[in-house]
Amino acid sequence: MKFSYKAQDKKGEIIEGYLEADDKFSLANQLRGEGLTPISVEETKKKSKILFLIDKLDNLIGSVSVYEKITFTRNLGGMIQAGLSLRRSLDVLEKQTKNKKFKIIINSLCKDIDEGDSLSESLSKFPKVFSGLFVSMVKAGEESGSLAESLKEIRSNLEKVYKLNKRIKGALIYPIIVVSAVVITGILMFIYVVPTLTKVFKDLNVELPKTTKLVITLSDFLSENTTLAFLILIAFIIFITFLFKSKKTKIFIDFIILRLPMIGVIAKEVNSARTARTLSSLLSSGVDMTKALSITGNVLQNIYYKKILKNAEDSVKQGIPLSKSFKESGKLYPIMVGEMVEVGEETGNLAKMFLDIAIFYEEEVDNKTQNLSTIIEPVMMIIIGIAVGFFAVSMITPLYGVLEYM
């Protein structure tokens, strides 16, 4: 049999892969013999033609948005609660969805249900669409006989994440649009406006300042090698894209983001809110603490927060209170998080306490992103003013020099 495994080496690095073995225990012993500590071992089933098709055409047939998953979860939970069978509900959703990729996925879920698989098993075959959090909460709902309630909780969690991401993107969209407009306008001026002024300067035969020469040089390159400049820009974008996918680059970016003025504070509160809401959802669904911490670590994007959750998982396995891990990570998680978690542990109401933490920091992020938009506007105006001023001075200064000799 073939198994997928996740293990930790002596350096603490997580290793994932596939191996053949007689059973899970044999594979676990094999991993230990290689100096690895097994974290999870799961039997891999042969991919169906549908799964193979999705893997091959993933980029061609689009993706499934968070909003579509919210709609799917809301409607599925509503139909199950109304008394429709799971198979019938999925059939209705397959007909309703307009997303080709999602339609194929729902069709695969229907076939799996017909073959006797559970919904959580079927969902786990699409990790790029349904996260570990999603699958675990569905599984908890199936085991407790309250699938509709679990789906309702998943929907609520997805909606909060969707709104949080929307606020952050909303705060960043203004500077992106302004910078894009300035860059495009600048390129057009370098290609069409500056060459005209350059001819005037040559006719006047005057000594040009260094800044003017720099502008003219850049303009000559863009106007004479427009295609080459365009190809260089595309190559640069591709290079940056691959660079950002590098693990070392991601660690560096995560480090910088957490230390930027105001942005760093928002990043810490966003991660605190996501950590708290994910743990609250999992614990309230009946998922055990160690698995909840593992899933939450996978949900978070920042590498430093992933490490904290992994350390917390190891500590909890050793019987150390979860609050201790949060308190020791005061540079990333606000002090209040550790204190409230400790209260939740003492009162036996940890899931509710995590929910309160999530609500508090989501409101904080909302307020700060609004303030960020207010701050960004004058900063962008200053930057644009400097750019326009530099260009204007570079082009006008030589003309003033000519007027002095007239």
Protein backbone atom coordinates (compact mmCIF):
# COMPACT_ATOMS: atom_id res chain seq x y z
CA MET A 1 0.00 0.00 0.00
CA LYS A 2 1.08 3.57 -0.65
CA PHE A 3 0.98 6.13 2.15
CA SER A 4 1.49 9.88 2.33
CA TYR A 5 3.42 10.98 5.39
CA LYS A 6 4.44 14.11 7.26
CA ALA A 7 7.44 13.86 9.59
CA GLN A 8 9.89 16.09 11.47
CA ASP A 9 13.66 15.71 11.20
CA LYS A 10 16.25 16.36 13.91
CA LYS A 11 16.56 20.01 12.85
CA GLY A 12 12.82 20.56 13.31
CA GLU A 13 12.08 20.78 9.58
CA ILE A 14 8.80 19.28 8.33
CA ILE A 15 9.21 16.68 5.57
CA GLU A 16 6.35 15.37 3.43
CA GLY A 17 6.36 12.52 0.92
CA TYR A 18 5.02 9.14 -0.21
CA LEU A 19 6.26 5.63 0.61
CA GLU A 20 5.17 2.02 0.10
CA ALA A 21 4.57 -0.07 3.24
CA ASP A 22 2.47 -2.97 4.52
CA ASP A 23 0.60 -0.74 6.98
CA LYS A 24 0.81 2.57 8.88
CA PHE A 25 2.80 1.08 11.76
CA SER A 26 5.46 -0.36 9.45
CA LEU A 27 5.87 3.01 7.76
CA ALA A 28 6.10 4.82 11.11
CA ASN A 29 8.84 2.42 12.26
CA GLN A 30 10.65 2.92 8.95
CA LEU A 31 10.58 6.71 9.42
CA ARG A 32 11.87 6.44 12.98
CA GLY A 33 14.69 4.23 11.72
CA GLU A 34 15.69 7.07 9.39
CA GLY A 35 15.85 9.51 12.31
CA LEU A 36 12.46 11.13 11.60
CA THR A 37 9.55 11.71 13.98
CA PRO A 38 6.22 10.77 12.31
CA ILE A 39 3.49 13.41 12.55
CA SER A 40 0.83 11.91 10.29
CA VAL A 41 0.54 8.84 8.04
CA GLU A 42 -2.43 8.46 5.68
CA GLU A 43 -3.21 5.86 3.06
CA THR A 44 -3.39 7.37 -0.43
CA LYS A 45 -6.08 6.18 -2.74
CA LYS A 46 -5.54 6.06 -6.47
CA LYS A 47 -6.67 9.29 -8.01
CA SER A 48 -9.87 9.19 -9.96
CA LYS A 49 -10.03 10.58 -13.50
CA ILE A 50 -11.82 13.63 -12.13
CA LEU A 51 -9.04 14.37 -9.63
CA PHE A 52 -6.45 13.83 -12.35
CA LEU A 53 -8.31 16.21 -14.66
CA ILE A 54 -8.47 18.94 -12.00
CA ASP A 55 -4.77 18.60 -11.21
CA LYS A 56 -3.83 18.88 -14.89
CA LEU A 57 -6.20 21.73 -15.76
CA ASP A 58 -6.02 23.58 -12.44
CA ASN A 59 -4.84 26.87 -13.92
CA LEU A 60 -6.92 26.58 -17.08
CA ILE A 61 -10.33 26.07 -15.48
CA GLY A 62 -9.94 28.77 -12.87
CA SER A 63 -10.20 28.61 -9.10
CA VAL A 64 -12.87 28.49 -6.42
CA SER A 65 -13.24 31.81 -4.61
CA VAL A 66 -13.92 32.19 -0.90
CA TYR A 67 -17.30 33.71 -1.74
CA GLU A 68 -18.26 30.60 -3.75
CA LYS A 69 -17.25 28.39 -0.83
CA ILE A 70 -19.35 30.53 1.52
CA THR A 71 -22.36 30.14 -0.80
CA PHE A 72 -21.74 26.39 -1.11
CA THR A 73 -21.49 25.92 2.66
CA ARG A 74 -24.55 28.08 3.40
CA ASN A 75 -26.75 26.30 0.87
CA LEU A 76 -25.53 22.82 1.76
CA GLY A 77 -26.12 23.39 5.48
CA GLY A 78 -29.53 24.93 4.81
CA MET A 79 -30.73 22.04 2.65
CA ILE A 80 -29.48 19.39 5.10
CA GLN A 81 -31.19 21.21 7.96
CA ALA A 82 -34.39 21.35 5.87
CA GLY A 83 -34.36 17.54 5.60
CA LEU A 84 -32.77 16.90 2.20
CA SER A 85 -30.26 14.07 1.98
CA LEU A 86 -26.58 14.93 1.55
CA ARG A 87 -26.49 13.31 -1.91
CA ARG A 88 -29.57 15.21 -3.09
CA SER A 89 -28.22 18.50 -1.70
CA LEU A 90 -24.92 18.09 -3.54
CA ASP A 91 -26.77 17.27 -6.76
CA VAL A 92 -28.74 20.52 -6.48
CA LEU A 93 -25.56 22.53 -5.79
CA GLU A 94 -23.81 20.97 -8.78
CA LYS A 95 -26.61 22.20 -11.05
CA GLN A 96 -26.60 25.68 -9.49
CA THR A 97 -22.90 26.49 -9.61
CA LYS A 98 -21.55 28.26 -12.71
CA ASN A 99 -17.87 27.73 -11.85
CA LYS A 100 -16.61 24.91 -14.10
CA LYS A 101 -13.94 23.76 -11.67
CA PHE A 102 -16.34 23.76 -8.70
CA LYS A 103 -18.92 21.87 -10.78
CA ILE A 104 -16.35 19.12 -11.46
CA ILE A 105 -15.42 18.99 -7.76
CA ILE A 106 -19.05 18.72 -6.59
CA ASN A 107 -19.63 16.00 -9.19
CA SER A 108 -16.67 14.11 -7.68
CA LEU A 109 -18.17 14.55 -4.19
CA CYS A 110 -21.47 13.06 -5.44
CA LYS A 111 -19.69 10.01 -6.86
CA ASP A 112 -17.72 9.49 -3.66
CA ILE A 113 -20.90 9.65 -1.57
CA ASP A 114 -22.49 7.04 -3.90
CA GLU A 115 -19.47 4.78 -3.26
CA GLY A 116 -19.92 5.05 0.49
CA ASP A 117 -17.29 7.67 1.37
CA SER A 118 -18.04 10.31 3.97
CA LEU A 119 -18.25 13.98 3.00
CA SER A 120 -15.07 14.80 4.93
CA GLU A 121 -13.14 12.04 3.09
CA SER A 122 -14.34 13.39 -0.24
CA LEU A 123 -13.47 16.99 0.64
CA SER A 124 -9.96 16.00 1.76
CA LYS A 125 -9.15 15.01 -1.83
CA PHE A 126 -9.21 18.71 -2.76
CA PRO A 127 -6.79 20.38 -0.31
CA LYS A 128 -6.34 23.41 -2.59
CA VAL A 129 -10.07 24.16 -2.31
CA PHE A 130 -11.07 22.83 1.11
CA SER A 131 -8.55 23.57 3.87
CA GLY A 132 -7.69 21.27 6.76
CA LEU A 133 -9.90 23.48 8.95
CA PHE A 134 -12.87 22.96 6.61
CA VAL A 135 -12.40 19.18 6.42
CA SER A 136 -11.83 18.74 10.18
CA MET A 137 -14.96 20.68 11.11
CA VAL A 138 -17.05 18.67 8.62
CA LYS A 139 -15.62 15.45 10.06
CA ALA A 140 -16.44 16.61 13.61
CA GLY A 141 -20.00 17.39 12.49
CA GLU A 142 -20.39 13.95 10.91
CA GLU A 143 -19.15 12.19 14.05
CA SER A 144 -21.41 14.21 16.35
CA GLY A 145 -24.44 13.99 14.08
CA SER A 146 -24.63 17.78 13.71
CA LEU A 147 -23.30 18.32 10.18
CA ALA A 148 -25.68 21.22 9.50
CA GLU A 149 -24.44 23.06 12.59
CA SER A 150 -20.81 22.44 11.64
CA LEU A 151 -21.44 23.80 8.16
CA LYS A 152 -23.04 26.86 9.71
CA GLU A 153 -19.93 27.38 11.85
CA ILE A 154 -17.68 26.90 8.81
CA ARG A 155 -19.71 29.46 6.87
CA SER A 156 -19.42 31.96 9.71
CA ASN A 157 -15.66 31.41 9.88
CA LEU A 158 -15.26 31.82 6.11
CA GLU A 159 -17.33 35.01 6.15
CA LYS A 160 -15.16 36.53 8.87
CA VAL A 161 -11.97 35.64 6.97
CA TYR A 162 -13.50 37.00 3.74
CA LYS A 163 -14.46 40.32 5.35
CA LEU A 164 -11.08 40.63 7.06
CA ASN A 165 -9.21 40.05 3.80
CA LYS A 166 -11.55 42.46 2.02
CA ARG A 167 -10.78 45.23 4.53
CA ILE A 168 -7.03 44.74 4.12
CA LYS A 169 -7.25 44.68 0.32
CA GLY A 170 -9.51 47.75 0.42
CA ALA A 171 -6.85 49.66 2.35
CA LEU A 172 -4.18 48.71 -0.22
CA ILE A 173 -6.14 49.15 -3.43
CA TYR A 174 -5.92 52.97 -3.42
CA PRO A 175 -2.10 53.18 -3.37
CA ILE A 176 -1.85 50.37 -5.95
CA ILE A 177 -4.16 52.23 -8.37
CA VAL A 178 -2.36 55.55 -7.82
CA VAL A 179 1.13 54.06 -8.24
CA SER A 180 0.02 52.17 -11.39
CA ALA A 181 -1.47 55.35 -12.89
CA VAL A 182 1.70 57.35 -12.12
CA VAL A 183 3.97 54.68 -13.62
CA ILE A 184 1.90 54.39 -16.81
CA THR A 185 1.70 58.19 -17.17
CA GLY A 186 5.46 58.49 -16.56
CA ILE A 187 6.27 55.87 -19.23
CA LEU A 188 4.04 57.62 -21.78
CA MET A 189 5.71 60.96 -21.03
CA PHE A 190 9.18 59.43 -21.40
CA ILE A 191 8.22 57.93 -24.78
CA TYR A 192 6.20 60.82 -26.32
CA VAL A 193 6.79 64.10 -24.42
CA VAL A 194 10.47 64.09 -23.43
CA PRO A 195 11.79 63.41 -26.99
CA THR A 196 10.10 66.62 -28.15
CA LEU A 197 11.80 68.63 -25.38
CA THR A 198 15.10 66.90 -26.12
CA LYS A 199 15.02 68.25 -29.68
CA VAL A 200 14.48 71.76 -28.29
CA PHE A 201 17.49 71.43 -25.95
CA LYS A 202 19.68 70.22 -28.83
CA ASP A 203 18.65 73.21 -30.99
CA LEU A 204 19.43 75.60 -28.13
CA ASN A 205 22.84 73.96 -27.61
CA VAL A 206 22.91 74.54 -23.82
CA GLU A 207 24.68 72.66 -21.01
CA LEU A 208 22.15 70.34 -19.39
CA PRO A 209 22.01 69.52 -15.64
CA LYS A 210 22.74 65.93 -14.57
CA THR A 211 19.08 65.28 -13.69
CA THR A 212 18.00 66.41 -17.15
CA LYS A 213 20.59 64.14 -18.80
CA LEU A 214 19.30 61.22 -16.68
CA VAL A 215 15.71 61.83 -17.79
CA ILE A 216 16.76 62.17 -21.45
CA THR A 217 18.86 58.97 -21.31
CA LEU A 218 15.95 57.00 -19.88
CA SER A 219 13.59 58.54 -22.43
CA ASP A 220 15.90 57.65 -25.34
CA PHE A 221 16.12 54.05 -24.18
CA LEU A 222 12.33 53.68 -23.80
CA SER A 223 11.48 55.38 -27.10
CA GLU A 224 14.15 53.57 -29.14
CA ASN A 225 13.79 50.15 -27.45
CA THR A 226 10.12 50.02 -26.46
CA THR A 227 9.77 46.30 -27.20
CA LEU A 228 12.97 45.44 -25.34
CA ALA A 229 11.91 47.57 -22.36
CA PHE A 230 8.55 45.79 -22.33
CA LEU A 231 10.26 42.37 -22.39
CA ILE A 232 12.61 43.44 -19.58
CA LEU A 233 9.59 44.51 -17.53
CA ILE A 234 7.87 41.15 -18.08
CA ALA A 235 11.10 39.28 -17.23
CA PHE A 236 11.44 41.36 -14.07
CA ILE A 237 7.86 40.57 -13.01
CA ILE A 238 8.42 36.83 -13.62
CA PHE A 239 11.69 36.97 -11.68
CA ILE A 240 10.02 38.73 -8.74
CA THR A 241 7.16 36.19 -8.81
CA PHE A 242 9.56 33.24 -8.58
CA LEU A 243 11.67 35.07 -6.01
CA PHE A 244 8.66 35.59 -3.76
CA LYS A 245 7.89 31.87 -3.93
CA SER A 246 11.31 31.09 -2.49
CA LYS A 247 11.26 29.98 1.15
CA LYS A 248 14.14 32.29 2.12
CA THR A 249 12.46 35.27 0.46
CA LYS A 250 9.19 34.50 2.23
CA ILE A 251 10.97 34.35 5.60
CA PHE A 252 12.61 37.72 4.87
CA ILE A 253 9.30 39.31 3.77
CA ASP A 254 7.49 37.95 6.83
CA PHE A 255 10.27 39.40 9.01
CA ILE A 256 10.06 42.84 7.36
CA ILE A 257 6.24 43.03 7.43
CA LEU A 258 6.14 42.42 11.19
CA ARG A 259 8.55 45.32 11.76
CA LEU A 260 7.07 47.97 9.49
CA PRO A 261 5.45 50.94 11.25
CA MET A 262 1.68 50.46 11.60
CA ILE A 263 1.69 47.64 8.98
CA GLY A 264 3.48 45.43 11.51
CA VAL A 265 0.84 46.11 14.18
CA ILE A 266 -1.96 45.28 11.73
CA ALA A 267 -0.17 42.08 10.65
CA LYS A 268 0.17 40.94 14.27
CA GLU A 269 -3.50 41.64 14.99
CA VAL A 270 -4.60 39.89 11.77
CA ASN A 271 -2.64 36.77 12.72
CA SER A 272 -3.96 36.94 16.29
CA ALA A 273 -7.54 37.17 15.00
CA ARG A 274 -7.06 34.26 12.57
CA THR A 275 -5.38 32.10 15.20
CA ALA A 276 -8.13 32.74 17.74
CA ARG A 277 -11.05 32.27 15.33
CA THR A 278 -9.62 29.06 13.85
CA LEU A 279 -8.93 27.54 17.27
CA SER A 280 -12.35 28.62 18.51
CA SER A 281 -14.09 26.97 15.54
CA LEU A 282 -12.11 23.73 15.86
CA LEU A 283 -12.37 23.38 19.63
CA SER A 284 -16.09 24.16 19.65
CA SER A 285 -16.55 21.45 16.98
CA GLY A 286 -14.89 18.87 19.24
CA VAL A 287 -11.46 18.67 17.56
CA ASP A 288 -8.73 17.83 20.09
CA MET A 289 -6.24 20.54 21.07
CA THR A 290 -3.10 19.16 19.38
CA LYS A 291 -4.84 18.59 16.05
CA ALA A 292 -6.48 22.02 16.29
CA LEU A 293 -3.07 23.65 16.77
CA SER A 294 -1.64 21.70 13.83
CA ILE A 295 -4.49 22.77 11.52
CA THR A 296 -4.28 26.38 12.71
CA GLY A 297 -0.55 26.42 11.97
CA ASN A 298 -1.32 25.39 8.39
CA VAL A 299 -4.01 28.07 8.06
CA LEU A 300 -1.63 30.90 9.02
CA GLN A 301 0.64 32.27 6.28
CA ASN A 302 3.42 33.92 8.30
CA ILE A 303 6.32 31.52 8.92
CA TYR A 304 7.01 32.92 12.41
CA TYR A 305 3.44 32.29 13.56
CA LYS A 306 3.58 28.79 12.10
CA LYS A 307 6.62 28.08 14.30
CA ILE A 308 4.82 29.36 17.41
CA LEU A 309 1.83 27.09 16.77
CA LYS A 310 4.15 24.11 16.14
CA ASN A 311 5.98 24.78 19.42
CA ALA A 312 2.63 25.17 21.18
CA GLU A 313 1.50 21.81 19.80
CA ASP A 314 4.65 20.13 21.12
CA SER A 315 4.25 21.83 24.51
CA VAL A 316 0.61 20.76 24.86
CA LYS A 317 1.63 17.15 24.12
CA GLN A 318 4.03 17.43 27.08
CA GLY A 319 1.25 18.68 29.35
CA ILE A 320 2.33 22.35 29.34
CA PRO A 321 -0.61 24.85 29.32
CA LEU A 322 -1.31 26.50 25.97
CA SER A 323 -1.30 29.95 27.56
CA LYS A 324 2.40 29.58 28.36
CA SER A 325 3.28 29.34 24.65
CA PHE A 326 1.32 32.51 23.87
CA LYS A 327 2.85 34.38 26.81
CA GLU A 328 6.36 33.44 25.69
CA SER A 329 5.57 34.81 22.22
CA GLY A 330 4.76 38.32 23.42
CA LYS A 331 6.64 39.93 20.52
CA LEU A 332 4.17 38.45 18.02
CA TYR A 333 1.00 37.79 19.99
CA PRO A 334 -0.23 40.71 22.14
CA ILE A 335 0.04 40.16 25.91
CA MET A 336 -3.75 40.12 26.18
CA VAL A 337 -3.93 36.89 24.10
CA GLY A 338 -1.87 34.90 26.60
CA GLU A 339 -3.78 36.33 29.56
CA MET A 340 -7.21 35.56 28.07
CA VAL A 341 -6.15 32.05 27.05
CA GLU A 342 -5.03 31.44 30.62
CA VAL A 343 -8.43 32.58 31.91
CA GLY A 344 -10.11 30.28 29.37
CA GLU A 345 -8.05 27.32 30.58
CA GLU A 346 -8.87 28.06 34.22
CA THR A 347 -12.61 28.41 33.55
CA GLY A 348 -12.80 25.48 31.12
CA ASN A 349 -14.29 27.72 28.43
CA LEU A 350 -11.33 28.07 26.07
CA ALA A 351 -13.30 27.98 22.81
CA LYS A 352 -15.50 30.90 23.94
CA MET A 353 -12.44 32.85 25.07
CA PHE A 354 -10.76 32.37 21.69
CA LEU A 355 -13.94 33.65 20.02
CA ASP A 356 -13.86 36.80 22.19
CA ILE A 357 -10.19 37.33 21.26
CA ALA A 358 -11.01 36.93 17.55
CA ILE A 359 -13.88 39.43 17.68
CA PHE A 360 -11.75 41.99 19.55
CA TYR A 361 -8.80 41.87 17.14
CA GLU A 362 -11.02 41.80 14.05
CA GLU A 363 -12.55 45.07 15.24
CA GLU A 364 -9.05 46.45 15.91
CA VAL A 365 -7.95 45.53 12.39
CA ASP A 366 -11.08 47.14 10.96
CA ASN A 367 -10.35 50.42 12.76
CA LYS A 368 -6.66 50.42 11.87
CA THR A 369 -7.23 49.68 8.17
CA GLN A 370 -9.59 52.67 8.03
CA ASN A 371 -6.90 54.82 9.67
CA LEU A 372 -4.31 53.35 7.30
CA SER A 373 -6.31 54.52 4.29
CA THR A 374 -6.43 58.02 5.78
CA ILE A 375 -2.66 58.04 6.34
CA ILE A 376 -1.79 56.55 2.94
CA GLU A 377 -3.55 59.30 0.96
CA PRO A 378 -1.29 62.24 2.02
CA VAL A 379 1.81 60.01 1.87
CA MET A 380 0.95 59.05 -1.72
CA MET A 381 0.37 62.71 -2.60
CA ILE A 382 3.81 63.60 -1.23
CA ILE A 383 5.48 60.79 -3.22
CA ILE A 384 3.67 61.81 -6.41
CA GLY A 385 4.56 65.45 -5.75
CA ILE A 386 8.25 64.57 -5.42
CA ALA A 387 8.18 62.52 -8.65
CA VAL A 388 6.37 65.23 -10.62
CA GLY A 389 8.59 67.92 -9.08
CA PHE A 390 11.77 66.06 -10.07
CA PHE A 391 10.54 65.65 -13.63
CA ALA A 392 9.38 69.27 -13.91
CA VAL A 393 12.60 70.73 -12.49
CA SER A 394 14.72 68.49 -14.74
CA MET A 395 12.89 69.69 -17.85
CA ILE A 396 12.35 73.35 -16.95
CA THR A 397 15.78 74.20 -15.49
CA PRO A 398 17.57 74.22 -18.90
CA LEU A 399 14.90 76.59 -20.29
CA TYR A 400 15.53 79.03 -17.44
CA GLY A 401 19.23 78.83 -18.27
CA VAL A 402 18.49 79.90 -21.86
CA LEU A 403 16.29 82.80 -20.74
CA GLU A 404 19.11 84.20 -18.59
CA TYR A 405 21.28 84.66 -21.72
CA MET A 406 18.52 86.29 -23.77
